[in-house]
PDB file of N, CA and C in Angstrom:
ATOM      1  N   MET A   1      -1.730  -1.051 -28.818  1.00  0.00           N
ATOM      2  CA  MET A   1      -0.861   0.064 -28.471  1.00  0.00           C
ATOM      3  C   MET A   1      -1.542   1.380 -28.836  1.00  0.00           C
ATOM      4  N   VAL A   2      -1.038   2.435 -28.302  1.00  0.00           N
ATOM      5  CA  VAL A   2      -1.609   3.753 -28.569  1.00  0.00           C
ATOM      6  C   VAL A   2      -1.459   4.054 -30.053  1.00  0.00           C
ATOM      7  N   THR A   3      -2.581   4.303 -30.716  1.00  0.00           N
ATOM      8  CA  THR A   3      -2.533   4.534 -32.157  1.00  0.00           C
ATOM      9  C   THR A   3      -2.117   5.956 -32.487  1.00  0.00           C
ATOM     10  N   ASN A   4      -2.367   6.879 -31.582  1.00  0.00           N
ATOM     11  CA  ASN A   4      -1.977   8.273 -31.796  1.00  0.00           C
ATOM     12  C   ASN A   4      -0.753   8.583 -30.934  1.00  0.00           C
ATOM     13  N   CYS A   5       0.281   7.767 -31.073  1.00  0.00           N
ATOM     14  CA  CYS A   5       1.390   7.792 -30.127  1.00  0.00           C
ATOM     15  C   CYS A   5       2.299   9.013 -30.232  1.00  0.00           C
ATOM     16  N   ARG A   6       2.183   9.777 -31.291  1.00  0.00           N
ATOM     17  CA  ARG A   6       3.063  10.931 -31.431  1.00  0.00           C
ATOM     18  C   ARG A   6       2.507  12.095 -30.625  1.00  0.00           C
ATOM     19  N   PHE A   7       3.297  12.611 -29.711  1.00  0.00           N
ATOM     20  CA  PHE A   7       2.892  13.751 -28.896  1.00  0.00           C
ATOM     21  C   PHE A   7       3.944  14.829 -29.070  1.00  0.00           C
ATOM     22  N   ARG A   8       3.600  15.824 -29.867  1.00  0.00           N
ATOM     23  CA  ARG A   8       4.490  16.961 -30.043  1.00  0.00           C
ATOM     24  C   ARG A   8       3.641  18.219 -29.894  1.00  0.00           C
ATOM     25  N   ILE A   9       3.985  19.021 -28.906  1.00  0.00           N
ATOM     26  CA  ILE A   9       3.250  20.258 -28.675  1.00  0.00           C
ATOM     27  C   ILE A   9       3.540  21.207 -29.824  1.00  0.00           C
ATOM     28  N   ARG A  10       2.505  21.805 -30.379  1.00  0.00           N
ATOM     29  CA  ARG A  10       2.686  22.754 -31.477  1.00  0.00           C
ATOM     30  C   ARG A  10       3.526  23.937 -31.002  1.00  0.00           C
ATOM     31  N   LYS A  11       4.278  24.524 -31.918  1.00  0.00           N
ATOM     32  CA  LYS A  11       5.203  25.606 -31.550  1.00  0.00           C
ATOM     33  C   LYS A  11       4.481  26.836 -31.005  1.00  0.00           C
ATOM     34  N   ASN A  12       3.232  27.028 -31.356  1.00  0.00           N
ATOM     35  CA  ASN A  12       2.479  28.191 -30.896  1.00  0.00           C
ATOM     36  C   ASN A  12       1.598  27.873 -29.683  1.00  0.00           C
ATOM     37  N   VAL A  13       1.829  26.733 -29.054  1.00  0.00           N
ATOM     38  CA  VAL A  13       1.065  26.328 -27.873  1.00  0.00           C
ATOM     39  C   VAL A  13       1.947  26.437 -26.638  1.00  0.00           C
ATOM     40  N   HIS A  14       1.372  27.041 -25.616  1.00  0.00           N
ATOM     41  CA  HIS A  14       2.062  27.208 -24.341  1.00  0.00           C
ATOM     42  C   HIS A  14       1.178  26.655 -23.235  1.00  0.00           C
ATOM     43  N   TYR A  15       1.813  26.187 -22.176  1.00  0.00           N
ATOM     44  CA  TYR A  15       1.024  25.685 -21.056  1.00  0.00           C
ATOM     45  C   TYR A  15       1.653  26.131 -19.747  1.00  0.00           C
ATOM     46  N   ALA A  16       0.806  26.238 -18.753  1.00  0.00           N
ATOM     47  CA  ALA A  16       1.257  26.631 -17.418  1.00  0.00           C
ATOM     48  C   ALA A  16       0.665  25.660 -16.406  1.00  0.00           C
ATOM     49  N   ILE A  17       1.503  25.221 -15.505  1.00  0.00           N
ATOM     50  CA  ILE A  17       1.055  24.326 -14.446  1.00  0.00           C
ATOM     51  C   ILE A  17       0.461  25.175 -13.328  1.00  0.00           C
ATOM     52  N   GLU A  18      -0.795  24.911 -13.039  1.00  0.00           N
ATOM     53  CA  GLU A  18      -1.518  25.629 -11.989  1.00  0.00           C
ATOM     54  C   GLU A  18      -1.639  24.718 -10.767  1.00  0.00           C
ATOM     55  N   THR A  19      -2.179  25.249  -9.701  1.00  0.00           N
ATOM     56  CA  THR A  19      -2.339  24.465  -8.476  1.00  0.00           C
ATOM     57  C   THR A  19      -3.230  23.247  -8.683  1.00  0.00           C
ATOM     58  N   THR A  20      -4.295  23.395  -9.451  1.00  0.00           N
ATOM     59  CA  THR A  20      -5.259  22.305  -9.614  1.00  0.00           C
ATOM     60  C   THR A  20      -5.358  21.767 -11.038  1.00  0.00           C
ATOM     61  N   GLY A  21      -4.434  22.134 -11.903  1.00  0.00           N
ATOM     62  CA  GLY A  21      -4.489  21.644 -13.271  1.00  0.00           C
ATOM     63  C   GLY A  21      -3.473  22.315 -14.167  1.00  0.00           C
ATOM     64  N   VAL A  22      -3.757  22.311 -15.459  1.00  0.00           N
ATOM     65  CA  VAL A  22      -2.859  22.871 -16.455  1.00  0.00           C
ATOM     66  C   VAL A  22      -3.660  23.764 -17.401  1.00  0.00           C
ATOM     67  N   SER A  23      -3.169  24.982 -17.623  1.00  0.00           N
ATOM     68  CA  SER A  23      -3.759  25.883 -18.611  1.00  0.00           C
ATOM     69  C   SER A  23      -2.986  25.722 -19.908  1.00  0.00           C
ATOM     70  N   ILE A  24      -3.716  25.551 -21.002  1.00  0.00           N
ATOM     71  CA  ILE A  24      -3.103  25.379 -22.322  1.00  0.00           C
ATOM     72  C   ILE A  24      -3.691  26.443 -23.242  1.00  0.00           C
ATOM     73  N   ILE A  25      -2.832  27.106 -24.015  1.00  0.00           N
ATOM     74  CA  ILE A  25      -3.327  28.101 -24.974  1.00  0.00           C
ATOM     75  C   ILE A  25      -2.568  27.993 -26.280  1.00  0.00           C
ATOM     76  N   ASN A  26      -3.323  28.085 -27.357  1.00  0.00           N
ATOM     77  CA  ASN A  26      -2.759  28.152 -28.694  1.00  0.00           C
ATOM     78  C   ASN A  26      -2.775  29.630 -29.066  1.00  0.00           C
ATOM     79  N   THR A  27      -1.606  30.248 -29.153  1.00  0.00           N
ATOM     80  CA  THR A  27      -1.540  31.693 -29.399  1.00  0.00           C
ATOM     81  C   THR A  27      -1.874  32.063 -30.839  1.00  0.00           C
ATOM     82  N   GLU A  28      -1.872  31.101 -31.730  1.00  0.00           N
ATOM     83  CA  GLU A  28      -2.209  31.379 -33.119  1.00  0.00           C
ATOM     84  C   GLU A  28      -3.723  31.535 -33.308  1.00  0.00           C
ATOM     85  N   ASN A  29      -4.484  30.579 -32.779  1.00  0.00           N
ATOM     86  CA  ASN A  29      -5.937  30.647 -32.952  1.00  0.00           C
ATOM     87  C   ASN A  29      -6.667  31.121 -31.694  1.00  0.00           C
ATOM     88  N   LYS A  30      -5.904  31.451 -30.650  1.00  0.00           N
ATOM     89  CA  LYS A  30      -6.443  31.975 -29.385  1.00  0.00           C
ATOM     90  C   LYS A  30      -7.341  30.975 -28.649  1.00  0.00           C
ATOM     91  N   HIS A  31      -7.227  29.708 -28.986  1.00  0.00           N
ATOM     92  CA  HIS A  31      -8.004  28.673 -28.299  1.00  0.00           C
ATOM     93  C   HIS A  31      -7.283  28.277 -27.016  1.00  0.00           C
ATOM     94  N   GLY A  32      -7.989  28.280 -25.919  1.00  0.00           N
ATOM     95  CA  GLY A  32      -7.415  27.897 -24.647  1.00  0.00           C
ATOM     96  C   GLY A  32      -8.277  26.880 -23.940  1.00  0.00           C
ATOM     97  N   LYS A  33      -7.668  26.202 -23.004  1.00  0.00           N
ATOM     98  CA  LYS A  33      -8.368  25.158 -22.266  1.00  0.00           C
ATOM     99  C   LYS A  33      -7.695  24.983 -20.910  1.00  0.00           C
ATOM    100  N   TYR A  34      -8.500  24.681 -19.908  1.00  0.00           N
ATOM    101  CA  TYR A  34      -7.969  24.358 -18.592  1.00  0.00           C
ATOM    102  C   TYR A  34      -8.303  22.901 -18.323  1.00  0.00           C
ATOM    103  N   ILE A  35      -7.287  22.085 -18.069  1.00  0.00           N
ATOM    104  CA  ILE A  35      -7.519  20.667 -17.794  1.00  0.00           C
ATOM    105  C   ILE A  35      -7.127  20.346 -16.364  1.00  0.00           C
ATOM    106  N   THR A  36      -7.859  19.430 -15.771  1.00  0.00           N
ATOM    107  CA  THR A  36      -7.602  19.021 -14.398  1.00  0.00           C
ATOM    108  C   THR A  36      -7.235  17.535 -14.381  1.00  0.00           C
ATOM    109  N   TYR A  37      -6.951  17.041 -13.213  1.00  0.00           N
ATOM    110  CA  TYR A  37      -6.666  15.623 -13.025  1.00  0.00           C
ATOM    111  C   TYR A  37      -7.887  14.822 -13.472  1.00  0.00           C
ATOM    112  N   PRO A  38      -7.740  13.742 -14.181  1.00  0.00           N
ATOM    113  CA  PRO A  38      -6.521  13.034 -14.536  1.00  0.00           C
ATOM    114  C   PRO A  38      -5.893  13.486 -15.862  1.00  0.00           C
ATOM    115  N   GLU A  39      -6.626  14.285 -16.655  1.00  0.00           N
ATOM    116  CA  GLU A  39      -6.102  14.718 -17.950  1.00  0.00           C
ATOM    117  C   GLU A  39      -4.803  15.506 -17.811  1.00  0.00           C
ATOM    118  N   ALA A  40      -4.724  16.335 -16.788  1.00  0.00           N
ATOM    119  CA  ALA A  40      -3.513  17.134 -16.574  1.00  0.00           C
ATOM    120  C   ALA A  40      -2.303  16.238 -16.307  1.00  0.00           C
ATOM    121  N   ALA A  41      -2.511  15.160 -15.591  1.00  0.00           N
ATOM    122  CA  ALA A  41      -1.412  14.230 -15.323  1.00  0.00           C
ATOM    123  C   ALA A  41      -0.899  13.618 -16.623  1.00  0.00           C
ATOM    124  N   VAL A  42      -1.814  13.253 -17.508  1.00  0.00           N
ATOM    125  CA  VAL A  42      -1.421  12.680 -18.796  1.00  0.00           C
ATOM    126  C   VAL A  42      -0.646  13.720 -19.617  1.00  0.00           C
ATOM    127  N   TRP A  43      -1.152  14.948 -19.667  1.00  0.00           N
ATOM    128  CA  TRP A  43      -0.470  16.011 -20.424  1.00  0.00           C
ATOM    129  C   TRP A  43       0.961  16.193 -19.927  1.00  0.00           C
ATOM    130  N   LEU A  44       1.126  16.286 -18.620  1.00  0.00           N
ATOM    131  CA  LEU A  44       2.455  16.555 -18.057  1.00  0.00           C
ATOM    132  C   LEU A  44       3.420  15.397 -18.268  1.00  0.00           C
ATOM    133  N   VAL A  45       2.931  14.183 -18.181  1.00  0.00           N
ATOM    134  CA  VAL A  45       3.801  13.034 -18.450  1.00  0.00           C
ATOM    135  C   VAL A  45       4.234  13.058 -19.917  1.00  0.00           C
ATOM    136  N   LEU A  46       3.291  13.260 -20.822  1.00  0.00           N
ATOM    137  CA  LEU A  46       3.632  13.279 -22.249  1.00  0.00           C
ATOM    138  C   LEU A  46       4.523  14.469 -22.603  1.00  0.00           C
ATOM    139  N   ALA A  47       4.302  15.595 -21.961  1.00  0.00           N
ATOM    140  CA  ALA A  47       5.128  16.781 -22.220  1.00  0.00           C
ATOM    141  C   ALA A  47       6.565  16.577 -21.749  1.00  0.00           C
ATOM    142  N   GLY A  48       6.778  15.596 -20.891  1.00  0.00           N
ATOM    143  CA  GLY A  48       8.113  15.299 -20.381  1.00  0.00           C
ATOM    144  C   GLY A  48       9.010  14.594 -21.380  1.00  0.00           C
ATOM    145  N   ASN A  49       8.501  14.317 -22.576  1.00  0.00           N
ATOM    146  CA  ASN A  49       9.271  13.677 -23.653  1.00  0.00           C
ATOM    147  C   ASN A  49       9.860  12.323 -23.262  1.00  0.00           C
ATOM    148  N   HIS A  50       9.112  11.570 -22.472  1.00  0.00           N
ATOM    149  CA  HIS A  50       9.523  10.199 -22.160  1.00  0.00           C
ATOM    150  C   HIS A  50       9.202   9.312 -23.352  1.00  0.00           C
ATOM    151  N   SER A  51       9.790   8.139 -23.382  1.00  0.00           N
ATOM    152  CA  SER A  51       9.410   7.172 -24.411  1.00  0.00           C
ATOM    153  C   SER A  51       7.942   6.806 -24.190  1.00  0.00           C
ATOM    154  N   LEU A  52       7.312   6.302 -25.233  1.00  0.00           N
ATOM    155  CA  LEU A  52       5.912   5.911 -25.113  1.00  0.00           C
ATOM    156  C   LEU A  52       5.724   4.844 -24.038  1.00  0.00           C
ATOM    157  N   THR A  53       6.618   3.874 -24.005  1.00  0.00           N
ATOM    158  CA  THR A  53       6.530   2.801 -23.009  1.00  0.00           C
ATOM    159  C   THR A  53       6.613   3.366 -21.600  1.00  0.00           C
ATOM    160  N   ARG A  54       7.561   4.261 -21.375  1.00  0.00           N
ATOM    161  CA  ARG A  54       7.711   4.873 -20.043  1.00  0.00           C
ATOM    162  C   ARG A  54       6.507   5.739 -19.707  1.00  0.00           C
ATOM    163  N   SER A  55       5.995   6.479 -20.676  1.00  0.00           N
ATOM    164  CA  SER A  55       4.825   7.324 -20.437  1.00  0.00           C
ATOM    165  C   SER A  55       3.627   6.482 -20.007  1.00  0.00           C
ATOM    166  N   ILE A  56       3.419   5.359 -20.673  1.00  0.00           N
ATOM    167  CA  ILE A  56       2.315   4.466 -20.309  1.00  0.00           C
ATOM    168  C   ILE A  56       2.500   3.941 -18.892  1.00  0.00           C
ATOM    169  N   ARG A  57       3.712   3.528 -18.557  1.00  0.00           N
ATOM    170  CA  ARG A  57       3.981   3.035 -17.195  1.00  0.00           C
ATOM    171  C   ARG A  57       3.729   4.120 -16.158  1.00  0.00           C
ATOM    172  N   LEU A  58       4.210   5.342 -16.425  1.00  0.00           N
ATOM    173  CA  LEU A  58       4.035   6.440 -15.481  1.00  0.00           C
ATOM    174  C   LEU A  58       2.561   6.782 -15.274  1.00  0.00           C
ATOM    175  N   VAL A  59       1.821   6.913 -16.366  1.00  0.00           N
ATOM    176  CA  VAL A  59       0.402   7.254 -16.257  1.00  0.00           C
ATOM    177  C   VAL A  59      -0.364   6.138 -15.543  1.00  0.00           C
ATOM    178  N   THR A  60      -0.050   4.894 -15.868  1.00  0.00           N
ATOM    179  CA  THR A  60      -0.689   3.756 -15.203  1.00  0.00           C
ATOM    180  C   THR A  60      -0.460   3.822 -13.693  1.00  0.00           C
ATOM    181  N   PHE A  61       0.762   4.122 -13.293  1.00  0.00           N
ATOM    182  CA  PHE A  61       1.097   4.219 -11.870  1.00  0.00           C
ATOM    183  C   PHE A  61       0.408   5.418 -11.213  1.00  0.00           C
ATOM    184  N   ILE A  62       0.490   6.576 -11.837  1.00  0.00           N
ATOM    185  CA  ILE A  62      -0.080   7.799 -11.259  1.00  0.00           C
ATOM    186  C   ILE A  62      -1.592   7.678 -11.088  1.00  0.00           C
ATOM    187  N   LEU A  63      -2.274   7.182 -12.118  1.00  0.00           N
ATOM    188  CA  LEU A  63      -3.733   7.112 -12.081  1.00  0.00           C
ATOM    189  C   LEU A  63      -4.261   5.844 -11.429  1.00  0.00           C
ATOM    190  N   GLN A  64      -3.364   4.873 -11.193  1.00  0.00           N
ATOM    191  CA  GLN A  64      -3.751   3.604 -10.580  1.00  0.00           C
ATOM    192  C   GLN A  64      -4.877   2.918 -11.365  1.00  0.00           C
ATOM    193  N   ILE A  65      -4.654   2.826 -12.688  1.00  0.00           N
ATOM    194  CA  ILE A  65      -5.586   2.130 -13.564  1.00  0.00           C
ATOM    195  C   ILE A  65      -4.799   1.093 -14.357  1.00  0.00           C
ATOM    196  N   SER A  66      -5.509   0.235 -15.074  1.00  0.00           N
ATOM    197  CA  SER A  66      -4.829  -0.812 -15.836  1.00  0.00           C
ATOM    198  C   SER A  66      -4.096  -0.217 -17.039  1.00  0.00           C
ATOM    199  N   LYS A  67      -3.182  -0.998 -17.556  1.00  0.00           N
ATOM    200  CA  LYS A  67      -2.438  -0.574 -18.745  1.00  0.00           C
ATOM    201  C   LYS A  67      -3.392  -0.337 -19.911  1.00  0.00           C
ATOM    202  N   ASN A  68      -4.365  -1.224 -20.088  1.00  0.00           N
ATOM    203  CA  ASN A  68      -5.327  -1.061 -21.183  1.00  0.00           C
ATOM    204  C   ASN A  68      -6.149   0.210 -21.023  1.00  0.00           C
ATOM    205  N   GLU A  69      -6.575   0.514 -19.797  1.00  0.00           N
ATOM    206  CA  GLU A  69      -7.314   1.750 -19.546  1.00  0.00           C
ATOM    207  C   GLU A  69      -6.439   2.969 -19.837  1.00  0.00           C
ATOM    208  N   THR A  70      -5.169   2.876 -19.462  1.00  0.00           N
ATOM    209  CA  THR A  70      -4.228   3.966 -19.716  1.00  0.00           C
ATOM    210  C   THR A  70      -4.084   4.217 -21.213  1.00  0.00           C
ATOM    211  N   ILE A  71      -3.878   3.164 -21.965  1.00  0.00           N
ATOM    212  CA  ILE A  71      -3.701   3.288 -23.410  1.00  0.00           C
ATOM    213  C   ILE A  71      -4.948   3.894 -24.045  1.00  0.00           C
ATOM    214  N   LYS A  72      -6.103   3.431 -23.640  1.00  0.00           N
ATOM    215  CA  LYS A  72      -7.361   3.955 -24.180  1.00  0.00           C
ATOM    216  C   LYS A  72      -7.508   5.442 -23.864  1.00  0.00           C
ATOM    217  N   MET A  73      -7.215   5.821 -22.613  1.00  0.00           N
ATOM    218  CA  MET A  73      -7.327   7.217 -22.197  1.00  0.00           C
ATOM    219  C   MET A  73      -6.336   8.096 -22.951  1.00  0.00           C
ATOM    220  N   MET A  74      -5.077   7.661 -23.033  1.00  0.00           N
ATOM    221  CA  MET A  74      -4.057   8.447 -23.720  1.00  0.00           C
ATOM    222  C   MET A  74      -4.411   8.620 -25.191  1.00  0.00           C
ATOM    223  N   ASP A  75      -4.899   7.565 -25.805  1.00  0.00           N
ATOM    224  CA  ASP A  75      -5.271   7.619 -27.220  1.00  0.00           C
ATOM    225  C   ASP A  75      -6.392   8.644 -27.425  1.00  0.00           C
ATOM    226  N   GLN A  76      -7.408   8.599 -26.581  1.00  0.00           N
ATOM    227  CA  GLN A  76      -8.527   9.532 -26.717  1.00  0.00           C
ATOM    228  C   GLN A  76      -8.091  10.974 -26.464  1.00  0.00           C
ATOM    229  N   LEU A  77      -7.291  11.188 -25.425  1.00  0.00           N
ATOM    230  CA  LEU A  77      -6.834  12.541 -25.112  1.00  0.00           C
ATOM    231  C   LEU A  77      -5.971  13.115 -26.228  1.00  0.00           C
ATOM    232  N   MET A  78      -5.071  12.302 -26.767  1.00  0.00           N
ATOM    233  CA  MET A  78      -4.228  12.799 -27.858  1.00  0.00           C
ATOM    234  C   MET A  78      -5.051  13.106 -29.104  1.00  0.00           C
ATOM    235  N   THR A  79      -6.071  12.311 -29.361  1.00  0.00           N
ATOM    236  CA  THR A  79      -6.971  12.597 -30.483  1.00  0.00           C
ATOM    237  C   THR A  79      -7.663  13.940 -30.254  1.00  0.00           C
ATOM    238  N   ASP A  80      -8.189  14.140 -29.058  1.00  0.00           N
ATOM    239  CA  ASP A  80      -8.873  15.391 -28.719  1.00  0.00           C
ATOM    240  C   ASP A  80      -7.926  16.582 -28.829  1.00  0.00           C
ATOM    241  N   TRP A  81      -6.745  16.469 -28.255  1.00  0.00           N
ATOM    242  CA  TRP A  81      -5.785  17.576 -28.257  1.00  0.00           C
ATOM    243  C   TRP A  81      -5.308  17.897 -29.669  1.00  0.00           C
ATOM    244  N   ARG A  82      -5.208  16.881 -30.499  1.00  0.00           N
ATOM    245  CA  ARG A  82      -4.830  17.111 -31.893  1.00  0.00           C
ATOM    246  C   ARG A  82      -5.948  17.880 -32.608  1.00  0.00           C
ATOM    247  N   LEU A  83      -7.184  17.500 -32.380  1.00  0.00           N
ATOM    248  CA  LEU A  83      -8.329  18.188 -32.986  1.00  0.00           C
ATOM    249  C   LEU A  83      -8.450  19.630 -32.492  1.00  0.00           C
ATOM    250  N   GLU A  84      -8.014  19.874 -31.267  1.00  0.00           N
ATOM    251  CA  GLU A  84      -8.060  21.232 -30.693  1.00  0.00           C
ATOM    252  C   GLU A  84      -6.824  22.055 -31.054  1.00  0.00           C
ATOM    253  N   SER A  85      -5.955  21.499 -31.869  1.00  0.00           N
ATOM    254  CA  SER A  85      -4.725  22.176 -32.336  1.00  0.00           C
ATOM    255  C   SER A  85      -3.731  22.480 -31.221  1.00  0.00           C
ATOM    256  N   PHE A  86      -3.664  21.611 -30.219  1.00  0.00           N
ATOM    257  CA  PHE A  86      -2.666  21.768 -29.174  1.00  0.00           C
ATOM    258  C   PHE A  86      -1.410  20.949 -29.474  1.00  0.00           C
ATOM    259  N   ILE A  87      -1.584  19.812 -30.155  1.00  0.00           N
ATOM    260  CA  ILE A  87      -0.447  18.971 -30.514  1.00  0.00           C
ATOM    261  C   ILE A  87      -0.492  18.669 -31.999  1.00  0.00           C
ATOM    262  N   GLU A  88       0.653  18.243 -32.509  1.00  0.00           N
ATOM    263  CA  GLU A  88       0.743  17.880 -33.937  1.00  0.00           C
ATOM    264  C   GLU A  88       0.384  16.435 -34.134  1.00  0.00           C
TER     265      GLU A  88
END
């Protein structure tokens, strides 16, 4: 299962959905990032506050990859986003 399963956007982080991706900015440290598909799809599903099980199902369906690939990708992305101070 996803080891970094907690996804909570930090209070000082804002994001905007763009035509080709998602812009994320941490207003406290001024760090920003632009993510595109497939990372943007994962961010938006997780930002929707679905249960972890539902989030995995949604991402698996959207990206058309296996459940194991989905879990691995979500785990890595959440680790990265936590290190970049976008999520808690």
